[in-house]
N, C-alpha and C. Protein backbone atom coordinates (compact mmCIF):
# COMPACT_ATOMS: atom_id res chain seq x y z
N MET A 1 127.71 109.47 99.39
CA MET A 1 128.40 109.90 98.20
C MET A 1 128.59 111.41 98.25
N LYS A 2 129.77 111.87 97.81
CA LYS A 2 130.07 113.29 97.82
C LYS A 2 130.05 113.86 96.42
N LEU A 3 129.47 115.06 96.30
CA LEU A 3 129.53 115.83 95.07
C LEU A 3 130.38 117.06 95.37
N TYR A 4 131.20 117.45 94.41
CA TYR A 4 132.01 118.65 94.56
C TYR A 4 131.49 119.68 93.57
N ILE A 5 131.27 120.89 94.08
CA ILE A 5 130.62 121.92 93.29
C ILE A 5 131.46 123.19 93.30
N LYS A 6 131.73 123.69 92.12
CA LYS A 6 132.54 124.90 91.95
C LYS A 6 131.67 126.15 92.09
N ASN A 7 132.26 127.20 92.63
CA ASN A 7 131.68 128.54 92.75
C ASN A 7 130.74 128.72 93.94
N MET A 8 130.77 127.83 94.90
CA MET A 8 130.00 128.04 96.13
C MET A 8 130.86 128.86 97.06
N VAL A 9 130.41 130.08 97.38
CA VAL A 9 131.26 130.96 98.17
C VAL A 9 130.59 131.57 99.40
N CYS A 10 129.32 131.28 99.61
CA CYS A 10 128.64 131.91 100.74
C CYS A 10 127.46 131.05 101.20
N SER A 11 126.83 131.49 102.27
CA SER A 11 125.71 130.72 102.82
C SER A 11 124.51 130.70 101.86
N ARG A 12 124.34 131.74 101.07
CA ARG A 12 123.24 131.73 100.08
C ARG A 12 123.49 130.67 99.02
N CYS A 13 124.74 130.47 98.64
CA CYS A 13 125.08 129.42 97.68
C CYS A 13 124.67 128.05 98.24
N ILE A 14 124.96 127.84 99.51
CA ILE A 14 124.59 126.58 100.16
C ILE A 14 123.08 126.38 100.08
N MET A 15 122.33 127.43 100.38
CA MET A 15 120.87 127.35 100.36
C MET A 15 120.36 127.03 98.94
N VAL A 16 120.91 127.69 97.94
CA VAL A 16 120.47 127.47 96.56
C VAL A 16 120.76 126.05 96.12
N VAL A 17 121.96 125.56 96.37
CA VAL A 17 122.34 124.20 95.97
C VAL A 17 121.45 123.18 96.67
N LYS A 18 121.23 123.36 97.96
CA LYS A 18 120.37 122.43 98.71
C LYS A 18 118.96 122.41 98.12
N THR A 19 118.41 123.57 97.85
CA THR A 19 117.07 123.68 97.29
C THR A 19 116.98 123.00 95.92
N GLU A 20 117.96 123.24 95.07
CA GLU A 20 117.94 122.65 93.73
C GLU A 20 118.05 121.12 93.78
N LEU A 21 118.89 120.61 94.66
CA LEU A 21 119.01 119.15 94.80
C LEU A 21 117.72 118.55 95.33
N GLU A 22 117.08 119.23 96.27
CA GLU A 22 115.80 118.74 96.80
C GLU A 22 114.72 118.74 95.73
N LYS A 23 114.73 119.74 94.85
CA LYS A 23 113.78 119.79 93.74
C LYS A 23 113.94 118.58 92.81
N LEU A 24 115.17 118.07 92.74
CA LEU A 24 115.45 116.91 91.89
C LEU A 24 115.16 115.59 92.63
N GLY A 25 114.65 115.68 93.84
CA GLY A 25 114.31 114.48 94.61
C GLY A 25 115.47 113.91 95.39
N LEU A 26 116.58 114.62 95.44
CA LEU A 26 117.73 114.16 96.21
C LEU A 26 117.67 114.80 97.59
N GLN A 27 118.02 114.05 98.59
CA GLN A 27 118.01 114.57 99.95
C GLN A 27 119.45 114.69 100.45
N PRO A 28 120.05 115.88 100.31
CA PRO A 28 121.42 116.03 100.79
C PRO A 28 121.49 115.91 102.31
N LEU A 29 122.46 115.14 102.78
CA LEU A 29 122.67 114.99 104.22
C LEU A 29 123.38 116.20 104.78
N ASP A 30 124.32 116.75 103.99
CA ASP A 30 125.10 117.90 104.45
C ASP A 30 125.52 118.70 103.22
N VAL A 31 125.36 120.02 103.30
CA VAL A 31 125.80 120.91 102.22
C VAL A 31 126.73 121.94 102.82
N GLN A 32 127.96 121.94 102.37
CA GLN A 32 128.98 122.89 102.80
C GLN A 32 129.48 123.64 101.57
N LEU A 33 130.32 124.65 101.78
CA LEU A 33 130.90 125.35 100.65
C LEU A 33 131.69 124.35 99.80
N GLY A 34 131.27 124.18 98.56
CA GLY A 34 131.98 123.33 97.62
C GLY A 34 131.69 121.84 97.69
N GLU A 35 130.94 121.39 98.67
CA GLU A 35 130.71 119.96 98.84
C GLU A 35 129.28 119.66 99.26
N VAL A 36 128.79 118.53 98.75
CA VAL A 36 127.47 118.04 99.15
C VAL A 36 127.61 116.56 99.47
N GLU A 37 127.10 116.17 100.62
CA GLU A 37 127.09 114.76 101.02
C GLU A 37 125.68 114.23 100.81
N LEU A 38 125.58 113.19 99.97
CA LEU A 38 124.29 112.55 99.72
C LEU A 38 124.26 111.22 100.47
N ALA A 39 123.08 110.72 100.71
CA ALA A 39 122.91 109.44 101.41
C ALA A 39 123.67 108.35 100.70
N GLN A 40 124.18 107.40 101.46
CA GLN A 40 125.02 106.34 100.92
C GLN A 40 124.32 105.59 99.80
N GLY A 41 123.34 105.25 99.60
CA GLY A 41 122.79 104.46 98.49
C GLY A 41 122.18 105.31 97.39
N ALA A 42 122.36 106.62 97.44
CA ALA A 42 121.72 107.50 96.44
C ALA A 42 122.27 107.19 95.05
N ASN A 43 121.37 106.84 94.15
CA ASN A 43 121.76 106.54 92.78
C ASN A 43 121.63 107.83 91.97
N ILE A 44 122.76 108.47 91.74
CA ILE A 44 122.70 109.74 91.02
C ILE A 44 123.29 109.65 89.62
N THR A 45 123.81 108.49 89.25
CA THR A 45 124.45 108.39 87.95
C THR A 45 123.51 108.78 86.81
N SER A 46 122.25 108.42 86.90
CA SER A 46 121.30 108.80 85.86
C SER A 46 120.89 110.28 85.99
N SER A 47 121.14 110.87 87.15
CA SER A 47 120.72 112.24 87.40
C SER A 47 121.83 113.27 87.22
N LEU A 48 123.05 112.83 86.93
CA LEU A 48 124.17 113.78 86.86
C LEU A 48 123.93 114.91 85.88
N ASP A 49 123.37 114.59 84.71
CA ASP A 49 123.09 115.64 83.73
C ASP A 49 122.05 116.62 84.26
N GLN A 50 121.04 116.10 84.96
CA GLN A 50 120.01 116.98 85.55
C GLN A 50 120.60 117.85 86.65
N ILE A 51 121.45 117.26 87.46
CA ILE A 51 122.10 118.02 88.54
C ILE A 51 122.96 119.13 87.93
N GLU A 52 123.74 118.74 86.94
CA GLU A 52 124.62 119.71 86.27
C GLU A 52 123.80 120.88 85.69
N ALA A 53 122.71 120.58 85.03
CA ALA A 53 121.87 121.61 84.41
C ALA A 53 121.23 122.51 85.48
N ALA A 54 120.73 121.91 86.55
CA ALA A 54 120.09 122.69 87.61
C ALA A 54 121.09 123.62 88.28
N LEU A 55 122.29 123.14 88.53
CA LEU A 55 123.31 123.96 89.19
C LEU A 55 123.85 125.04 88.25
N HIS A 56 123.98 124.69 86.99
CA HIS A 56 124.54 125.61 86.00
C HIS A 56 123.70 126.90 85.89
N LYS A 57 122.38 126.78 86.06
CA LYS A 57 121.50 127.95 86.00
C LYS A 57 121.91 129.03 87.00
N PHE A 58 122.54 128.61 88.08
CA PHE A 58 122.92 129.55 89.13
C PHE A 58 124.43 129.81 89.16
N GLY A 59 125.13 129.39 88.12
CA GLY A 59 126.56 129.67 88.03
C GLY A 59 127.45 128.66 88.73
N PHE A 60 126.89 127.52 89.13
CA PHE A 60 127.68 126.47 89.76
C PHE A 60 128.09 125.44 88.73
N GLU A 61 129.12 124.69 89.07
CA GLU A 61 129.61 123.64 88.17
C GLU A 61 129.88 122.38 88.97
N LEU A 62 129.37 121.27 88.49
CA LEU A 62 129.63 119.98 89.12
C LEU A 62 131.02 119.52 88.70
N LEU A 63 131.87 119.21 89.67
CA LEU A 63 133.25 118.82 89.37
C LEU A 63 133.39 117.31 89.47
N THR A 64 133.91 116.71 88.40
CA THR A 64 134.13 115.27 88.41
C THR A 64 135.61 114.94 88.35
N ASP A 65 136.43 115.86 87.88
CA ASP A 65 137.88 115.66 87.80
C ASP A 65 138.50 115.81 89.20
N LYS A 66 139.31 114.84 89.61
CA LYS A 66 139.89 114.82 90.96
C LYS A 66 140.76 116.06 91.24
N LYS A 67 141.55 116.49 90.26
CA LYS A 67 142.39 117.66 90.47
C LYS A 67 141.56 118.93 90.63
N LYS A 68 140.51 119.04 89.85
CA LYS A 68 139.62 120.21 89.98
C LYS A 68 138.89 120.17 91.31
N GLN A 69 138.54 118.97 91.77
CA GLN A 69 137.88 118.85 93.08
C GLN A 69 138.82 119.32 94.19
N LEU A 70 140.07 118.89 94.13
CA LEU A 70 141.04 119.29 95.15
C LEU A 70 141.29 120.80 95.09
N THR A 71 141.39 121.33 93.89
CA THR A 71 141.58 122.77 93.73
C THR A 71 140.42 123.54 94.34
N GLU A 72 139.22 123.07 94.13
CA GLU A 72 138.05 123.73 94.71
C GLU A 72 138.05 123.63 96.23
N GLN A 73 138.52 122.51 96.76
CA GLN A 73 138.63 122.37 98.22
C GLN A 73 139.64 123.37 98.78
N ILE A 74 140.74 123.58 98.06
CA ILE A 74 141.75 124.55 98.49
C ILE A 74 141.14 125.96 98.48
N LYS A 75 140.46 126.29 97.39
CA LYS A 75 139.84 127.61 97.29
C LYS A 75 138.80 127.82 98.41
N THR A 76 138.00 126.82 98.64
CA THR A 76 136.98 126.92 99.69
C THR A 76 137.62 127.13 101.05
N ALA A 77 138.68 126.39 101.33
CA ALA A 77 139.37 126.53 102.62
C ALA A 77 139.93 127.94 102.78
N ILE A 78 140.49 128.49 101.72
CA ILE A 78 141.04 129.85 101.78
C ILE A 78 139.93 130.88 101.93
N ILE A 79 138.85 130.72 101.20
CA ILE A 79 137.72 131.65 101.30
C ILE A 79 137.16 131.64 102.72
N GLU A 80 136.99 130.46 103.29
CA GLU A 80 136.49 130.38 104.66
C GLU A 80 137.46 131.02 105.64
N LEU A 81 138.74 130.79 105.44
CA LEU A 81 139.77 131.35 106.33
C LEU A 81 139.77 132.88 106.28
N VAL A 82 139.67 133.44 105.09
CA VAL A 82 139.77 134.90 104.94
C VAL A 82 138.45 135.60 105.20
N HIS A 83 137.37 135.09 104.67
CA HIS A 83 136.09 135.81 104.70
C HIS A 83 135.19 135.44 105.87
N TYR A 84 135.40 134.30 106.48
CA TYR A 84 134.54 133.87 107.58
C TYR A 84 135.38 133.40 108.77
N PRO A 85 136.34 134.21 109.20
CA PRO A 85 137.24 133.75 110.27
C PRO A 85 136.59 133.75 111.63
N ALA A 86 137.02 132.83 112.45
CA ALA A 86 136.54 132.77 113.83
C ALA A 86 137.30 133.79 114.68
N GLU A 87 138.51 134.14 114.25
CA GLU A 87 139.35 135.09 114.97
C GLU A 87 140.31 135.73 113.97
N ALA A 88 141.21 136.57 114.46
CA ALA A 88 142.18 137.23 113.58
C ALA A 88 142.97 136.18 112.80
N LEU A 89 143.34 136.53 111.60
CA LEU A 89 143.96 135.61 110.64
C LEU A 89 145.45 135.41 110.96
N LYS A 90 145.75 134.69 112.01
CA LYS A 90 147.14 134.49 112.42
C LYS A 90 147.48 133.01 112.32
N ILE A 91 147.67 132.56 111.08
CA ILE A 91 147.94 131.15 110.86
C ILE A 91 148.86 131.01 109.65
N ASN A 92 149.68 130.00 109.68
CA ASN A 92 150.54 129.70 108.54
C ASN A 92 149.68 129.00 107.48
N LEU A 93 149.60 129.57 106.29
CA LEU A 93 148.70 129.05 105.26
C LEU A 93 149.02 127.61 104.88
N SER A 94 150.28 127.29 104.69
CA SER A 94 150.63 125.93 104.28
C SER A 94 150.25 124.91 105.36
N ASP A 95 150.49 125.25 106.62
CA ASP A 95 150.09 124.35 107.71
C ASP A 95 148.58 124.20 107.78
N TYR A 96 147.87 125.32 107.62
CA TYR A 96 146.41 125.30 107.66
C TYR A 96 145.85 124.39 106.57
N LEU A 97 146.31 124.57 105.33
CA LEU A 97 145.79 123.77 104.22
C LEU A 97 146.16 122.30 104.36
N SER A 98 147.40 122.03 104.74
CA SER A 98 147.82 120.64 104.93
C SER A 98 146.99 119.96 106.00
N GLY A 99 146.78 120.64 107.10
CA GLY A 99 145.98 120.08 108.19
C GLY A 99 144.52 119.90 107.81
N ARG A 100 143.98 120.85 107.10
CA ARG A 100 142.56 120.80 106.73
C ARG A 100 142.27 119.73 105.68
N LEU A 101 143.19 119.60 104.70
CA LEU A 101 142.94 118.67 103.59
C LEU A 101 143.71 117.36 103.73
N HIS A 102 144.53 117.24 104.76
CA HIS A 102 145.26 116.00 105.07
C HIS A 102 146.15 115.56 103.91
N LEU A 103 146.80 116.55 103.28
CA LEU A 103 147.74 116.27 102.20
C LEU A 103 148.95 117.19 102.36
N GLU A 104 150.07 116.78 101.80
CA GLU A 104 151.28 117.60 101.86
C GLU A 104 151.06 118.89 101.07
N TYR A 105 151.60 119.99 101.59
CA TYR A 105 151.41 121.28 100.94
C TYR A 105 152.02 121.29 99.53
N ALA A 106 153.16 120.63 99.35
CA ALA A 106 153.79 120.59 98.03
C ALA A 106 152.85 120.00 96.98
N HIS A 107 152.14 118.95 97.35
CA HIS A 107 151.16 118.33 96.44
C HIS A 107 150.00 119.30 96.16
N LEU A 108 149.49 119.91 97.22
CA LEU A 108 148.39 120.88 97.05
C LEU A 108 148.81 122.01 96.13
N SER A 109 150.01 122.52 96.33
CA SER A 109 150.51 123.63 95.54
C SER A 109 150.65 123.25 94.06
N THR A 110 151.16 122.07 93.81
CA THR A 110 151.35 121.60 92.43
C THR A 110 150.01 121.44 91.73
N VAL A 111 149.06 120.79 92.38
CA VAL A 111 147.74 120.57 91.78
C VAL A 111 147.06 121.92 91.52
N PHE A 112 147.10 122.81 92.49
CA PHE A 112 146.46 124.12 92.35
C PHE A 112 147.07 124.89 91.18
N SER A 113 148.40 124.94 91.12
CA SER A 113 149.07 125.67 90.04
C SER A 113 148.76 125.08 88.67
N ASP A 114 148.74 123.75 88.59
CA ASP A 114 148.42 123.09 87.31
C ASP A 114 146.99 123.40 86.86
N THR A 115 146.07 123.43 87.79
CA THR A 115 144.66 123.62 87.46
C THR A 115 144.29 125.09 87.24
N GLU A 116 144.81 125.96 88.08
CA GLU A 116 144.42 127.37 88.07
C GLU A 116 145.38 128.29 87.31
N HIS A 117 146.58 127.81 87.02
CA HIS A 117 147.61 128.65 86.40
C HIS A 117 147.88 129.88 87.27
N ASN A 118 147.86 129.66 88.57
CA ASN A 118 148.07 130.68 89.58
C ASN A 118 148.59 129.93 90.81
N THR A 119 149.25 130.63 91.70
CA THR A 119 149.73 129.96 92.90
C THR A 119 148.72 130.10 94.03
N ILE A 120 148.82 129.21 95.00
CA ILE A 120 147.97 129.30 96.18
C ILE A 120 148.20 130.63 96.89
N GLU A 121 149.46 131.04 96.98
CA GLU A 121 149.79 132.28 97.67
C GLU A 121 149.15 133.49 97.00
N LYS A 122 149.19 133.53 95.66
CA LYS A 122 148.58 134.65 94.94
C LYS A 122 147.06 134.64 95.13
N PHE A 123 146.45 133.47 95.11
CA PHE A 123 145.01 133.37 95.34
C PHE A 123 144.67 133.87 96.75
N PHE A 124 145.49 133.47 97.72
CA PHE A 124 145.30 133.89 99.11
C PHE A 124 145.38 135.42 99.22
N ILE A 125 146.37 136.01 98.58
CA ILE A 125 146.53 137.47 98.59
C ILE A 125 145.33 138.13 97.93
N GLN A 126 144.88 137.59 96.80
CA GLN A 126 143.71 138.15 96.11
C GLN A 126 142.47 138.12 97.02
N GLN A 127 142.29 137.03 97.74
CA GLN A 127 141.16 136.94 98.66
C GLN A 127 141.29 137.95 99.79
N LYS A 128 142.50 138.09 100.33
CA LYS A 128 142.71 139.07 101.40
C LYS A 128 142.42 140.49 100.90
N ILE A 129 142.83 140.80 99.69
CA ILE A 129 142.58 142.13 99.13
C ILE A 129 141.08 142.35 98.92
N GLU A 130 140.36 141.32 98.49
CA GLU A 130 138.90 141.47 98.36
C GLU A 130 138.27 141.72 99.72
N LYS A 131 138.79 141.08 100.76
CA LYS A 131 138.28 141.31 102.12
C LYS A 131 138.61 142.74 102.56
N VAL A 132 139.80 143.23 102.22
CA VAL A 132 140.16 144.61 102.54
C VAL A 132 139.19 145.57 101.85
N LYS A 133 138.89 145.32 100.58
CA LYS A 133 137.94 146.17 99.84
C LYS A 133 136.58 146.19 100.55
N GLU A 134 136.12 145.01 100.96
CA GLU A 134 134.84 144.92 101.65
C GLU A 134 134.86 145.74 102.93
N LEU A 135 135.91 145.58 103.73
CA LEU A 135 136.00 146.30 105.01
C LEU A 135 136.15 147.80 104.80
N LEU A 136 136.88 148.20 103.76
CA LEU A 136 137.01 149.63 103.45
C LEU A 136 135.66 150.22 103.02
N THR A 137 134.90 149.45 102.27
CA THR A 137 133.59 149.90 101.80
C THR A 137 132.66 150.17 102.98
N TYR A 138 132.69 149.28 103.98
CA TYR A 138 131.84 149.46 105.14
C TYR A 138 132.29 150.63 105.99
N GLY A 139 133.59 150.91 105.99
CA GLY A 139 134.13 152.06 106.72
C GLY A 139 134.04 151.98 108.22
N GLU A 140 133.87 150.79 108.77
CA GLU A 140 133.72 150.65 110.22
C GLU A 140 135.06 150.47 110.94
N GLN A 141 136.11 150.13 110.17
CA GLN A 141 137.41 149.87 110.78
C GLN A 141 138.48 150.71 110.10
N SER A 142 139.48 151.06 110.88
CA SER A 142 140.62 151.81 110.32
C SER A 142 141.50 150.85 109.53
N LEU A 143 142.38 151.43 108.73
CA LEU A 143 143.30 150.60 107.95
C LEU A 143 144.22 149.81 108.87
N SER A 144 144.58 150.38 109.99
CA SER A 144 145.44 149.62 110.89
C SER A 144 144.69 148.47 111.56
N GLU A 145 143.42 148.64 111.84
CA GLU A 145 142.61 147.53 112.38
C GLU A 145 142.45 146.43 111.32
N ILE A 146 142.25 146.82 110.07
CA ILE A 146 142.13 145.85 108.98
C ILE A 146 143.44 145.10 108.80
N ALA A 147 144.56 145.83 108.85
CA ALA A 147 145.87 145.19 108.71
C ALA A 147 146.07 144.14 109.81
N TYR A 148 145.69 144.48 111.04
CA TYR A 148 145.82 143.55 112.15
C TYR A 148 144.91 142.33 111.95
N LEU A 149 143.66 142.60 111.58
CA LEU A 149 142.68 141.53 111.39
C LEU A 149 143.14 140.51 110.34
N LEU A 150 143.76 141.00 109.27
CA LEU A 150 144.18 140.12 108.18
C LEU A 150 145.65 139.71 108.27
N ASN A 151 146.25 139.95 109.43
CA ASN A 151 147.61 139.51 109.75
C ASN A 151 148.69 140.10 108.84
N TYR A 152 148.54 141.36 108.48
CA TYR A 152 149.62 142.06 107.78
C TYR A 152 150.61 142.56 108.83
N SER A 153 151.88 142.57 108.48
CA SER A 153 152.90 143.00 109.44
C SER A 153 152.80 144.49 109.75
N SER A 154 152.25 145.26 108.80
CA SER A 154 152.09 146.69 109.01
C SER A 154 151.07 147.24 108.02
N VAL A 155 150.65 148.47 108.27
CA VAL A 155 149.74 149.15 107.34
C VAL A 155 150.45 149.38 106.02
N ALA A 156 151.75 149.68 106.09
CA ALA A 156 152.53 149.90 104.86
C ALA A 156 152.54 148.64 103.99
N HIS A 157 152.70 147.48 104.62
CA HIS A 157 152.69 146.22 103.87
C HIS A 157 151.34 145.99 103.21
N LEU A 158 150.27 146.21 103.95
CA LEU A 158 148.92 146.10 103.40
C LEU A 158 148.74 147.07 102.23
N SER A 159 149.13 148.31 102.41
CA SER A 159 148.96 149.32 101.36
C SER A 159 149.75 148.98 100.10
N THR A 160 150.97 148.50 100.28
CA THR A 160 151.80 148.11 99.14
C THR A 160 151.16 146.95 98.37
N GLN A 161 150.71 145.94 99.11
CA GLN A 161 150.08 144.79 98.46
C GLN A 161 148.77 145.19 97.79
N PHE A 162 147.99 146.05 98.42
CA PHE A 162 146.73 146.52 97.86
C PHE A 162 146.98 147.25 96.55
N LYS A 163 147.96 148.15 96.55
CA LYS A 163 148.25 148.92 95.34
C LYS A 163 148.77 148.00 94.22
N LYS A 164 149.56 147.02 94.58
CA LYS A 164 150.09 146.08 93.59
C LYS A 164 148.96 145.30 92.91
N VAL A 165 147.96 144.90 93.68
CA VAL A 165 146.85 144.11 93.15
C VAL A 165 145.82 145.00 92.45
N CYS A 166 145.50 146.14 93.05
CA CYS A 166 144.39 146.98 92.57
C CYS A 166 144.81 148.15 91.69
N GLY A 167 146.06 148.56 91.80
CA GLY A 167 146.52 149.71 91.03
C GLY A 167 146.29 151.05 91.71
N VAL A 168 145.63 151.05 92.86
CA VAL A 168 145.42 152.27 93.64
C VAL A 168 145.66 151.96 95.11
N THR A 169 145.86 153.02 95.88
CA THR A 169 146.06 152.84 97.32
C THR A 169 144.72 152.59 98.02
N PRO A 170 144.76 152.04 99.21
CA PRO A 170 143.51 151.88 99.96
C PRO A 170 142.80 153.21 100.19
N SER A 171 143.54 154.29 100.38
CA SER A 171 142.93 155.61 100.61
C SER A 171 142.14 156.06 99.40
N VAL A 172 142.70 155.87 98.22
CA VAL A 172 142.00 156.24 96.98
C VAL A 172 140.77 155.37 96.81
N TYR A 173 140.91 154.09 97.09
CA TYR A 173 139.77 153.18 97.00
C TYR A 173 138.66 153.60 97.96
N LYS A 174 139.04 153.88 99.20
CA LYS A 174 138.06 154.23 100.22
C LYS A 174 137.36 155.55 99.90
N ALA A 175 138.08 156.46 99.26
CA ALA A 175 137.50 157.76 98.91
C ALA A 175 136.47 157.64 97.80
N GLY A 176 136.35 156.43 97.25
CA GLY A 176 135.32 156.21 96.24
C GLY A 176 135.76 156.58 94.83
N GLN A 177 137.04 156.81 94.66
CA GLN A 177 137.55 157.18 93.34
C GLN A 177 137.85 155.95 92.51
N PHE A 178 137.62 154.80 93.06
CA PHE A 178 137.89 153.55 92.37
C PHE A 178 136.90 152.52 92.86
N SER A 179 136.30 151.81 91.97
CA SER A 179 135.44 150.70 92.39
C SER A 179 135.98 149.45 91.74
N GLY A 180 135.67 148.35 92.29
CA GLY A 180 136.19 147.15 91.68
C GLY A 180 136.13 145.92 92.54
N ARG A 181 135.14 145.85 93.43
CA ARG A 181 134.99 144.59 94.17
C ARG A 181 134.55 143.52 93.20
N LYS A 182 135.08 142.34 93.40
CA LYS A 182 134.73 141.21 92.56
C LYS A 182 133.96 140.20 93.38
N PRO A 183 133.03 139.51 92.73
CA PRO A 183 132.42 138.37 93.43
C PRO A 183 133.50 137.34 93.75
N LEU A 184 133.39 136.68 94.88
CA LEU A 184 134.42 135.74 95.31
C LEU A 184 134.68 134.63 94.30
N ASP A 185 133.66 134.22 93.57
CA ASP A 185 133.86 133.15 92.60
C ASP A 185 134.60 133.62 91.35
N GLU A 186 134.87 134.93 91.24
CA GLU A 186 135.61 135.45 90.09
C GLU A 186 137.02 135.88 90.45
N VAL A 187 137.41 135.70 91.71
CA VAL A 187 138.76 136.07 92.13
C VAL A 187 139.71 134.99 91.72
């Protein structure tokens, strides 16, 4: 049986969810960002309220609505793509999501927009900008290296998009005159 959980964005989230489920006597077979696989005969119907309460303490939400579950899967796929890439981000987003979730992109886009009141593309851009903020904060890479890593066509394109989302240029942000990183679950 699968549980879908909102606001899981990092490996610490996985650890917390796994620990909380184990405290409730459930033995998760697999815990990934946004999803938990429980053993096939696990009777959790009587435990759903307990699971919900345990997860809620840490800012997680148990998702039972199919559209919200799919939306969370889309968000998780984008977060993994942007924040935990295996290589430079050189992939067509619609192809990536369709292949990963085995659904037509038009359907994914409609469900996401209906649920989030935002487009997949805007969410993707917001995630990329949060990654840019993170990389600028560390100061280990130049803006042109960051632009390449996140598949921007140029530094100018990255800077324009950054300013549109944040209201300041990457240079102003890096100089420390602006703060505003958001937790991934709030983007």
